[in-house]
Amino acid sequence: MKNLSKLFVVFALVFLGVNTTRAQRSLKDDEANKAAEVKDLISGGRYTFEATKVISQKGNSSSLASGYDLDVSKDTLIANLPVSARTATMNSGGKKIEFTCTNFGYNVSAGKNGHQEVTILPKGKNSGGMKEVRELKLDISSLGYTTLTVTGSGSPISYYGYIKGHSAEFPSVSAQQ
């Protein structure tokens, strides 16, 4: 009976070791797939940055409700970002960075630790609050976690979040007629 219980313990340890190895391999595969997806989104120039936190000038961060984003496509930027966490919690009247931009420069470069840096420079006249924005810089990790820094006429403002597939919704042509 003692031999049977020892054999059971050895079998259980081997089984757990195999499952742990398989789980770690699966996690690495998932991370590699996510990294490839993020790389494809950035090189395709069509994705959405979803803001989850706004960072104050003093370095304090506050969580945001969903719905604050920067939509990037090859020919259009659409921004809906709060200027502060307080603005995000107000029902109306708060100042936001809201604009649509169709004339901008877009540059992707390699950053540190496998990150990619995207620099967007608006040009000319655009609609909404775009005249106050000079540069948008996204620092994107290989897994899609992102810091967006918006530089304009005032102090820079930063956001934490992530990128995901393009999600802008445009009215259909028949709805505009």
N, C-alpha and C. Protein backbone atom coordinates (compact mmCIF):
# COMPACT_ATOMS: atom_id res chain seq x y z
N MET A 1 0.82 -1.18 0.00
CA MET A 1 0.00 0.00 0.00
C MET A 1 0.86 1.25 0.00
N LYS A 2 2.03 1.19 0.75
CA LYS A 2 2.92 2.34 0.79
C LYS A 2 3.50 2.62 -0.59
N ASN A 3 3.83 1.57 -1.32
CA ASN A 3 4.37 1.75 -2.66
C ASN A 3 3.34 2.38 -3.59
N LEU A 4 2.09 1.98 -3.43
CA LEU A 4 1.02 2.53 -4.26
C LEU A 4 0.82 4.02 -3.99
N SER A 5 0.87 4.44 -2.71
CA SER A 5 0.70 5.86 -2.39
C SER A 5 1.90 6.67 -2.86
N LYS A 6 3.12 6.11 -2.77
CA LYS A 6 4.31 6.80 -3.29
C LYS A 6 4.21 6.96 -4.80
N LEU A 7 3.77 5.91 -5.45
CA LEU A 7 3.62 5.96 -6.91
C LEU A 7 2.58 7.00 -7.30
N PHE A 8 1.50 7.09 -6.53
CA PHE A 8 0.46 8.10 -6.80
C PHE A 8 1.01 9.51 -6.65
N VAL A 9 1.80 9.76 -5.61
CA VAL A 9 2.39 11.08 -5.37
C VAL A 9 3.34 11.44 -6.51
N VAL A 10 4.17 10.52 -6.92
CA VAL A 10 5.11 10.77 -8.03
C VAL A 10 4.32 11.07 -9.31
N PHE A 11 3.29 10.28 -9.58
CA PHE A 11 2.46 10.49 -10.76
C PHE A 11 1.80 11.87 -10.72
N ALA A 12 1.30 12.28 -9.56
CA ALA A 12 0.65 13.59 -9.41
C ALA A 12 1.65 14.71 -9.66
N LEU A 13 2.87 14.60 -9.13
CA LEU A 13 3.88 15.64 -9.33
C LEU A 13 4.28 15.74 -10.80
N VAL A 14 4.45 14.62 -11.47
CA VAL A 14 4.78 14.63 -12.90
C VAL A 14 3.65 15.26 -13.69
N PHE A 15 2.42 14.91 -13.37
CA PHE A 15 1.25 15.47 -14.07
C PHE A 15 1.18 16.99 -13.88
N LEU A 16 1.38 17.47 -12.66
CA LEU A 16 1.37 18.90 -12.40
C LEU A 16 2.50 19.62 -13.13
N GLY A 17 3.67 19.02 -13.17
CA GLY A 17 4.80 19.61 -13.88
C GLY A 17 4.53 19.75 -15.37
N VAL A 18 3.94 18.75 -15.97
CA VAL A 18 3.61 18.78 -17.40
C VAL A 18 2.56 19.85 -17.67
N ASN A 19 1.53 19.95 -16.82
CA ASN A 19 0.49 20.96 -17.01
C ASN A 19 1.03 22.37 -16.85
N THR A 20 1.95 22.56 -15.89
CA THR A 20 2.54 23.88 -15.68
C THR A 20 3.36 24.29 -16.90
N THR A 21 4.13 23.37 -17.44
CA THR A 21 4.92 23.65 -18.63
C THR A 21 4.01 23.99 -19.80
N ARG A 22 2.95 23.25 -19.97
CA ARG A 22 2.00 23.49 -21.05
C ARG A 22 1.33 24.86 -20.88
N ALA A 23 0.98 25.23 -19.66
CA ALA A 23 0.34 26.53 -19.40
C ALA A 23 1.30 27.67 -19.69
N GLN A 24 2.58 27.51 -19.32
CA GLN A 24 3.56 28.56 -19.61
C GLN A 24 3.78 28.70 -21.11
N ARG A 25 3.83 27.60 -21.82
CA ARG A 25 4.00 27.64 -23.27
C ARG A 25 2.79 28.31 -23.91
N SER A 26 1.60 28.01 -23.40
CA SER A 26 0.38 28.61 -23.92
C SER A 26 0.37 30.11 -23.70
N LEU A 27 0.83 30.57 -22.52
CA LEU A 27 0.91 31.99 -22.23
C LEU A 27 1.88 32.69 -23.16
N LYS A 28 3.03 32.07 -23.41
CA LYS A 28 4.01 32.65 -24.34
C LYS A 28 3.45 32.72 -25.75
N ASP A 29 2.70 31.70 -26.15
CA ASP A 29 2.07 31.71 -27.47
C ASP A 29 1.04 32.83 -27.57
N ASP A 30 0.25 33.01 -26.51
CA ASP A 30 -0.75 34.09 -26.48
C ASP A 30 -0.08 35.45 -26.58
N GLU A 31 1.03 35.64 -25.85
CA GLU A 31 1.75 36.91 -25.90
C GLU A 31 2.34 37.14 -27.28
N ALA A 32 2.87 36.12 -27.91
CA ALA A 32 3.43 36.26 -29.25
C ALA A 32 2.33 36.61 -30.25
N ASN A 33 1.16 35.99 -30.13
CA ASN A 33 0.04 36.30 -31.02
C ASN A 33 -0.42 37.75 -30.83
N LYS A 34 -0.49 38.19 -29.57
CA LYS A 34 -0.91 39.57 -29.29
C LYS A 34 0.11 40.56 -29.84
N ALA A 35 1.39 40.27 -29.67
CA ALA A 35 2.45 41.15 -30.18
C ALA A 35 2.36 41.26 -31.71
N ALA A 36 2.10 40.16 -32.39
CA ALA A 36 1.96 40.19 -33.85
C ALA A 36 0.72 41.01 -34.25
N GLU A 37 -0.36 40.87 -33.49
CA GLU A 37 -1.58 41.63 -33.77
C GLU A 37 -1.33 43.13 -33.61
N VAL A 38 -0.65 43.52 -32.53
CA VAL A 38 -0.35 44.93 -32.28
C VAL A 38 0.54 45.48 -33.38
N LYS A 39 1.55 44.72 -33.77
CA LYS A 39 2.45 45.16 -34.84
C LYS A 39 1.68 45.37 -36.14
N ASP A 40 0.77 44.47 -36.45
CA ASP A 40 -0.05 44.61 -37.66
C ASP A 40 -0.96 45.83 -37.59
N LEU A 41 -1.55 46.10 -36.43
CA LEU A 41 -2.41 47.28 -36.27
C LEU A 41 -1.63 48.56 -36.52
N ILE A 42 -0.44 48.65 -35.94
CA ILE A 42 0.36 49.86 -36.07
C ILE A 42 0.87 50.04 -37.50
N SER A 43 1.38 48.98 -38.09
CA SER A 43 1.89 49.11 -39.46
C SER A 43 0.75 49.38 -40.44
N GLY A 44 -0.45 48.89 -40.15
CA GLY A 44 -1.61 49.15 -41.00
C GLY A 44 -2.15 50.56 -40.83
N GLY A 45 -1.78 51.23 -39.73
CA GLY A 45 -2.21 52.60 -39.49
C GLY A 45 -3.70 52.75 -39.28
N ARG A 46 -4.34 51.72 -38.74
CA ARG A 46 -5.80 51.76 -38.53
C ARG A 46 -6.12 51.06 -37.21
N TYR A 47 -6.29 51.86 -36.14
CA TYR A 47 -6.55 51.30 -34.81
C TYR A 47 -7.19 52.37 -33.93
N THR A 48 -7.60 51.96 -32.73
CA THR A 48 -8.20 52.87 -31.76
C THR A 48 -7.43 52.77 -30.45
N PHE A 49 -7.06 53.92 -29.90
CA PHE A 49 -6.48 53.99 -28.57
C PHE A 49 -7.62 54.22 -27.61
N GLU A 50 -7.83 53.31 -26.68
CA GLU A 50 -8.88 53.40 -25.66
C GLU A 50 -8.24 53.87 -24.36
N ALA A 51 -8.58 55.08 -23.91
CA ALA A 51 -8.01 55.65 -22.68
C ALA A 51 -8.69 55.04 -21.46
N THR A 52 -7.88 54.61 -20.49
CA THR A 52 -8.41 54.07 -19.24
C THR A 52 -8.05 54.94 -18.04
N LYS A 53 -6.99 55.76 -18.17
CA LYS A 53 -6.58 56.67 -17.10
C LYS A 53 -6.07 57.97 -17.70
N VAL A 54 -6.29 59.05 -16.98
CA VAL A 54 -5.72 60.35 -17.33
C VAL A 54 -4.70 60.67 -16.25
N ILE A 55 -3.55 61.24 -16.65
CA ILE A 55 -2.48 61.52 -15.71
C ILE A 55 -2.35 63.04 -15.57
N SER A 56 -2.40 63.51 -14.33
CA SER A 56 -2.28 64.96 -14.09
C SER A 56 -0.83 65.39 -14.25
N GLN A 57 -0.63 66.71 -14.28
CA GLN A 57 0.72 67.26 -14.38
C GLN A 57 1.57 66.87 -13.18
N LYS A 58 0.93 66.63 -12.04
CA LYS A 58 1.66 66.26 -10.83
C LYS A 58 1.98 64.77 -10.78
N GLY A 59 1.48 64.02 -11.76
CA GLY A 59 1.75 62.59 -11.80
C GLY A 59 0.67 61.73 -11.22
N ASN A 60 -0.39 62.32 -10.70
CA ASN A 60 -1.52 61.54 -10.17
C ASN A 60 -2.35 61.04 -11.34
N SER A 61 -2.88 59.83 -11.19
CA SER A 61 -3.72 59.29 -12.26
C SER A 61 -5.11 58.99 -11.72
N SER A 62 -6.08 59.12 -12.62
CA SER A 62 -7.47 58.83 -12.27
C SER A 62 -8.07 57.96 -13.36
N SER A 63 -8.83 56.97 -12.95
CA SER A 63 -9.48 56.07 -13.91
C SER A 63 -10.57 56.80 -14.67
N LEU A 64 -10.78 56.37 -15.91
CA LEU A 64 -11.81 56.95 -16.76
C LEU A 64 -12.87 55.90 -17.07
N ALA A 65 -14.07 56.37 -17.31
CA ALA A 65 -15.12 55.50 -17.81
C ALA A 65 -14.79 55.18 -19.27
N SER A 66 -15.44 54.20 -19.83
CA SER A 66 -15.18 53.86 -21.23
C SER A 66 -15.75 54.95 -22.13
N GLY A 67 -15.30 54.96 -23.37
CA GLY A 67 -15.82 55.92 -24.33
C GLY A 67 -14.88 57.05 -24.66
N TYR A 68 -13.71 57.12 -24.00
CA TYR A 68 -12.72 58.14 -24.31
C TYR A 68 -11.64 57.48 -25.17
N ASP A 69 -11.47 57.99 -26.39
CA ASP A 69 -10.56 57.33 -27.29
C ASP A 69 -9.97 58.26 -28.34
N LEU A 70 -9.00 57.75 -29.05
CA LEU A 70 -8.40 58.39 -30.21
C LEU A 70 -8.43 57.35 -31.31
N ASP A 71 -9.18 57.64 -32.35
CA ASP A 71 -9.31 56.71 -33.46
C ASP A 71 -8.36 57.14 -34.56
N VAL A 72 -7.49 56.23 -34.98
CA VAL A 72 -6.47 56.53 -35.99
C VAL A 72 -6.73 55.69 -37.23
N SER A 73 -6.82 56.36 -38.37
CA SER A 73 -6.83 55.66 -39.65
C SER A 73 -5.90 56.43 -40.58
N LYS A 74 -5.64 55.91 -41.75
CA LYS A 74 -4.64 56.52 -42.62
C LYS A 74 -4.99 57.94 -43.05
N ASP A 75 -6.27 58.27 -43.10
CA ASP A 75 -6.65 59.59 -43.57
C ASP A 75 -7.43 60.43 -42.57
N THR A 76 -7.74 59.89 -41.39
CA THR A 76 -8.57 60.64 -40.43
C THR A 76 -8.20 60.29 -38.99
N LEU A 77 -8.14 61.32 -38.14
CA LEU A 77 -8.01 61.15 -36.69
C LEU A 77 -9.31 61.65 -36.07
N ILE A 78 -9.84 60.90 -35.13
CA ILE A 78 -11.02 61.34 -34.40
C ILE A 78 -10.70 61.20 -32.92
N ALA A 79 -10.73 62.33 -32.19
CA ALA A 79 -10.38 62.32 -30.77
C ALA A 79 -11.57 62.69 -29.91
N ASN A 80 -11.71 61.99 -28.81
CA ASN A 80 -12.68 62.29 -27.77
C ASN A 80 -12.01 61.95 -26.45
N LEU A 81 -11.28 62.95 -25.90
CA LEU A 81 -10.50 62.72 -24.69
C LEU A 81 -10.79 63.82 -23.67
N PRO A 82 -10.89 63.47 -22.39
CA PRO A 82 -11.10 64.51 -21.37
C PRO A 82 -9.80 65.24 -21.08
N VAL A 83 -9.90 66.47 -20.61
CA VAL A 83 -8.72 67.22 -20.23
C VAL A 83 -8.28 66.83 -18.82
N SER A 84 -9.23 66.35 -18.01
CA SER A 84 -8.90 65.89 -16.65
C SER A 84 -9.91 64.83 -16.23
N ALA A 85 -9.62 64.14 -15.16
CA ALA A 85 -10.56 63.13 -14.65
C ALA A 85 -11.84 63.81 -14.20
N ARG A 86 -11.73 65.02 -13.67
CA ARG A 86 -12.92 65.76 -13.23
C ARG A 86 -13.83 66.04 -14.43
N THR A 87 -13.23 66.42 -15.57
CA THR A 87 -14.00 66.64 -16.79
C THR A 87 -14.72 65.37 -17.21
N ALA A 88 -14.05 64.24 -17.07
CA ALA A 88 -14.62 62.97 -17.50
C ALA A 88 -15.85 62.59 -16.68
N THR A 89 -15.90 63.01 -15.41
CA THR A 89 -17.04 62.64 -14.58
C THR A 89 -18.19 63.63 -14.67
N MET A 90 -17.95 64.79 -15.28
CA MET A 90 -19.03 65.77 -15.44
C MET A 90 -19.99 65.29 -16.52
N ASN A 91 -21.26 65.57 -16.35
CA ASN A 91 -22.24 65.16 -17.35
C ASN A 91 -22.19 66.03 -18.60
N SER A 92 -21.91 67.33 -18.43
CA SER A 92 -21.82 68.20 -19.59
C SER A 92 -21.03 69.44 -19.24
N GLY A 93 -20.60 70.14 -20.27
CA GLY A 93 -19.94 71.41 -20.07
C GLY A 93 -18.46 71.33 -19.77
N GLY A 94 -17.89 70.18 -19.54
CA GLY A 94 -16.47 70.08 -19.26
C GLY A 94 -15.66 70.21 -20.54
N LYS A 95 -14.43 70.69 -20.39
CA LYS A 95 -13.56 70.86 -21.55
C LYS A 95 -12.99 69.51 -21.95
N LYS A 96 -13.00 69.26 -23.25
CA LYS A 96 -12.49 68.01 -23.79
C LYS A 96 -11.57 68.31 -24.96
N ILE A 97 -10.77 67.34 -25.30
CA ILE A 97 -10.03 67.38 -26.55
C ILE A 97 -10.89 66.60 -27.53
N GLU A 98 -11.63 67.33 -28.34
CA GLU A 98 -12.54 66.72 -29.32
C GLU A 98 -12.26 67.32 -30.68
N PHE A 99 -11.91 66.47 -31.64
CA PHE A 99 -11.67 66.99 -32.98
C PHE A 99 -11.70 65.86 -34.00
N THR A 100 -11.79 66.29 -35.24
CA THR A 100 -11.61 65.41 -36.39
C THR A 100 -10.52 66.05 -37.24
N CYS A 101 -9.53 65.28 -37.62
CA CYS A 101 -8.39 65.81 -38.36
C CYS A 101 -8.14 64.95 -39.60
N THR A 102 -8.00 65.60 -40.74
CA THR A 102 -7.74 64.86 -41.98
C THR A 102 -6.41 65.23 -42.61
N ASN A 103 -5.66 66.13 -42.00
CA ASN A 103 -4.38 66.56 -42.55
C ASN A 103 -3.32 66.46 -41.45
N PHE A 104 -2.53 65.39 -41.48
CA PHE A 104 -1.55 65.16 -40.42
C PHE A 104 -0.40 64.30 -40.91
N GLY A 105 0.73 64.42 -40.23
CA GLY A 105 1.87 63.55 -40.48
C GLY A 105 1.83 62.39 -39.51
N TYR A 106 2.27 61.22 -39.96
CA TYR A 106 2.22 60.00 -39.15
C TYR A 106 3.56 59.30 -39.28
N ASN A 107 4.27 59.12 -38.16
CA ASN A 107 5.58 58.48 -38.19
C ASN A 107 5.66 57.41 -37.11
N VAL A 108 6.16 56.24 -37.49
CA VAL A 108 6.36 55.13 -36.55
C VAL A 108 7.86 54.87 -36.44
N SER A 109 8.35 54.76 -35.20
CA SER A 109 9.76 54.43 -35.00
C SER A 109 9.89 53.42 -33.86
N ALA A 110 11.01 52.72 -33.85
CA ALA A 110 11.25 51.73 -32.80
C ALA A 110 11.65 52.45 -31.52
N GLY A 111 11.05 52.02 -30.41
CA GLY A 111 11.38 52.59 -29.10
C GLY A 111 12.19 51.60 -28.29
N LYS A 112 12.28 51.87 -27.00
CA LYS A 112 13.04 51.00 -26.10
C LYS A 112 12.21 49.77 -25.73
N ASN A 113 12.89 48.69 -25.42
CA ASN A 113 12.27 47.45 -24.91
C ASN A 113 11.17 46.91 -25.81
N GLY A 114 11.34 47.01 -27.11
CA GLY A 114 10.36 46.47 -28.04
C GLY A 114 9.13 47.34 -28.24
N HIS A 115 9.12 48.53 -27.66
CA HIS A 115 8.00 49.44 -27.85
C HIS A 115 8.08 50.08 -29.23
N GLN A 116 6.95 50.58 -29.69
CA GLN A 116 6.90 51.36 -30.92
C GLN A 116 6.40 52.74 -30.56
N GLU A 117 7.00 53.76 -31.15
CA GLU A 117 6.59 55.13 -30.89
C GLU A 117 5.94 55.69 -32.15
N VAL A 118 4.72 56.18 -31.98
CA VAL A 118 3.98 56.79 -33.08
C VAL A 118 3.86 58.27 -32.79
N THR A 119 4.28 59.09 -33.75
CA THR A 119 4.18 60.54 -33.62
C THR A 119 3.22 61.05 -34.68
N ILE A 120 2.22 61.80 -34.25
CA ILE A 120 1.23 62.37 -35.16
C ILE A 120 1.31 63.88 -35.05
N LEU A 121 1.56 64.53 -36.19
CA LEU A 121 1.69 65.99 -36.23
C LEU A 121 0.59 66.57 -37.11
N PRO A 122 -0.41 67.22 -36.51
CA PRO A 122 -1.48 67.84 -37.30
C PRO A 122 -0.93 68.99 -38.14
N LYS A 123 -1.52 69.17 -39.33
CA LYS A 123 -1.10 70.23 -40.24
C LYS A 123 -2.32 71.03 -40.67
N GLY A 124 -2.14 72.31 -40.85
CA GLY A 124 -3.20 73.15 -41.40
C GLY A 124 -4.41 73.25 -40.51
N LYS A 125 -5.54 73.60 -41.13
CA LYS A 125 -6.79 73.78 -40.40
C LYS A 125 -7.56 72.48 -40.33
N ASN A 126 -8.07 72.19 -39.15
CA ASN A 126 -8.90 71.02 -38.92
C ASN A 126 -10.06 71.43 -38.04
N SER A 127 -11.03 70.57 -37.90
CA SER A 127 -12.23 70.94 -37.15
C SER A 127 -12.09 70.69 -35.66
N GLY A 128 -12.95 71.32 -34.89
CA GLY A 128 -13.01 71.10 -33.45
C GLY A 128 -11.85 71.74 -32.72
N GLY A 129 -11.39 71.10 -31.66
CA GLY A 129 -10.33 71.62 -30.80
C GLY A 129 -8.94 71.32 -31.32
N MET A 130 -8.80 71.00 -32.58
CA MET A 130 -7.52 70.62 -33.14
C MET A 130 -6.50 71.75 -33.11
N LYS A 131 -6.94 73.00 -33.21
CA LYS A 131 -6.00 74.11 -33.26
C LYS A 131 -5.16 74.21 -31.99
N GLU A 132 -5.62 73.62 -30.90
CA GLU A 132 -4.88 73.64 -29.64
C GLU A 132 -3.88 72.48 -29.53
N VAL A 133 -3.91 71.53 -30.45
CA VAL A 133 -3.06 70.34 -30.39
C VAL A 133 -1.94 70.45 -31.43
N ARG A 134 -0.68 70.35 -30.96
CA ARG A 134 0.47 70.40 -31.87
C ARG A 134 1.03 69.02 -32.17
N GLU A 135 0.96 68.10 -31.18
CA GLU A 135 1.57 66.78 -31.36
C GLU A 135 0.86 65.76 -30.49
N LEU A 136 0.69 64.56 -31.04
CA LEU A 136 0.19 63.42 -30.29
C LEU A 136 1.27 62.35 -30.39
N LYS A 137 1.70 61.84 -29.25
CA LYS A 137 2.75 60.82 -29.23
C LYS A 137 2.25 59.60 -28.48
N LEU A 138 2.27 58.46 -29.16
CA LEU A 138 1.85 57.19 -28.55
C LEU A 138 3.08 56.32 -28.35
N ASP A 139 3.28 55.83 -27.13
CA ASP A 139 4.32 54.88 -26.80
C ASP A 139 3.61 53.55 -26.57
N ILE A 140 3.76 52.62 -27.52
CA ILE A 140 2.96 51.39 -27.54
C ILE A 140 3.85 50.18 -27.23
N SER A 141 3.49 49.43 -26.18
CA SER A 141 4.25 48.22 -25.85
C SER A 141 3.89 47.11 -26.85
N SER A 142 4.66 46.05 -26.83
CA SER A 142 4.42 44.94 -27.75
C SER A 142 3.07 44.27 -27.51
N LEU A 143 2.51 44.41 -26.29
CA LEU A 143 1.22 43.81 -25.99
C LEU A 143 0.07 44.80 -26.15
N GLY A 144 0.37 46.04 -26.59
CA GLY A 144 -0.68 47.01 -26.89
C GLY A 144 -0.95 48.02 -25.79
N TYR A 145 -0.29 47.89 -24.63
CA TYR A 145 -0.47 48.89 -23.58
C TYR A 145 0.19 50.18 -24.04
N THR A 146 -0.50 51.31 -23.87
CA THR A 146 -0.08 52.54 -24.52
C THR A 146 -0.15 53.73 -23.58
N THR A 147 0.81 54.65 -23.77
CA THR A 147 0.76 55.97 -23.15
C THR A 147 0.64 56.97 -24.28
N LEU A 148 -0.39 57.81 -24.21
CA LEU A 148 -0.61 58.87 -25.19
C LEU A 148 -0.30 60.19 -24.51
N THR A 149 0.57 60.99 -25.13
CA THR A 149 0.87 62.33 -24.63
C THR A 149 0.43 63.33 -25.69
N VAL A 150 -0.43 64.26 -25.27
CA VAL A 150 -0.94 65.29 -26.17
C VAL A 150 -0.27 66.60 -25.78
N THR A 151 0.45 67.19 -26.74
CA THR A 151 1.12 68.45 -26.52
C THR A 151 0.41 69.52 -27.32
N GLY A 152 0.12 70.64 -26.66
CA GLY A 152 -0.58 71.72 -27.33
C GLY A 152 -0.16 73.07 -26.81
N SER A 153 -1.08 74.00 -26.84
CA SER A 153 -0.78 75.36 -26.40
C SER A 153 -0.58 75.43 -24.89
N GLY A 154 -1.19 74.55 -24.13
CA GLY A 154 -1.02 74.51 -22.68
C GLY A 154 -0.04 73.44 -22.28
N SER A 155 -0.17 72.97 -21.05
CA SER A 155 0.69 71.90 -20.56
C SER A 155 0.32 70.58 -21.22
N PRO A 156 1.31 69.70 -21.43
CA PRO A 156 1.00 68.39 -22.01
C PRO A 156 0.09 67.59 -21.07
N ILE A 157 -0.73 66.74 -21.65
CA ILE A 157 -1.60 65.86 -20.87
C ILE A 157 -1.36 64.43 -21.36
N SER A 158 -1.36 63.48 -20.43
CA SER A 158 -1.07 62.09 -20.78
C SER A 158 -2.22 61.18 -20.39
N TYR A 159 -2.30 60.08 -21.10
CA TYR A 159 -3.33 59.06 -20.87
C TYR A 159 -2.67 57.69 -20.93
N TYR A 160 -3.15 56.78 -20.09
CA TYR A 160 -2.79 55.37 -20.19
C TYR A 160 -3.97 54.66 -20.82
N GLY A 161 -3.68 53.58 -21.52
CA GLY A 161 -4.73 52.79 -22.11
C GLY A 161 -4.14 51.68 -22.95
N TYR A 162 -4.84 51.31 -24.00
CA TYR A 162 -4.40 50.24 -24.88
C TYR A 162 -4.93 50.49 -26.27
N ILE A 163 -4.30 49.84 -27.24
CA ILE A 163 -4.82 49.95 -28.60
C ILE A 163 -5.58 48.67 -28.94
N LYS A 164 -6.53 48.85 -29.82
CA LYS A 164 -7.36 47.73 -30.28
C LYS A 164 -7.70 47.98 -31.74
N GLY A 165 -8.37 47.03 -32.35
CA GLY A 165 -8.77 47.19 -33.74
C GLY A 165 -9.62 48.43 -33.94
N HIS A 166 -9.58 48.97 -35.13
CA HIS A 166 -10.30 50.19 -35.50
C HIS A 166 -11.78 50.06 -35.17
N SER A 167 -12.34 51.07 -34.48
CA SER A 167 -13.74 50.94 -34.07
C SER A 167 -14.57 52.17 -34.37
N ALA A 168 -14.10 53.07 -35.21
CA ALA A 168 -14.90 54.28 -35.51
C ALA A 168 -16.16 53.88 -36.26
N GLU A 169 -17.25 54.52 -35.88
CA GLU A 169 -18.52 54.25 -36.55
C GLU A 169 -18.94 55.51 -37.30
N PHE A 170 -19.18 55.35 -38.58
CA PHE A 170 -19.58 56.47 -39.41
C PHE A 170 -21.01 56.24 -39.88
N PRO A 171 -21.79 57.31 -40.02
CA PRO A 171 -23.16 57.12 -40.51
C PRO A 171 -23.13 56.59 -41.95
N SER A 172 -24.13 55.80 -42.28
CA SER A 172 -24.17 55.26 -43.64
C SER A 172 -24.50 56.38 -44.62
N VAL A 173 -24.16 56.18 -45.88
CA VAL A 173 -24.39 57.18 -46.91
C VAL A 173 -25.87 57.51 -47.04
N SER A 174 -26.74 56.49 -46.93
CA SER A 174 -28.18 56.72 -47.06
C SER A 174 -28.72 57.57 -45.92
N ALA A 175 -28.06 57.54 -44.73
CA ALA A 175 -28.52 58.32 -43.59
C ALA A 175 -28.21 59.81 -43.78
N GLN A 176 -27.23 60.13 -44.63
CA GLN A 176 -26.83 61.51 -44.84
C GLN A 176 -27.70 62.20 -45.88
N GLN A 177 -28.45 61.47 -46.66
CA GLN A 177 -29.23 62.06 -47.74
C GLN A 177 -30.53 62.62 -47.26
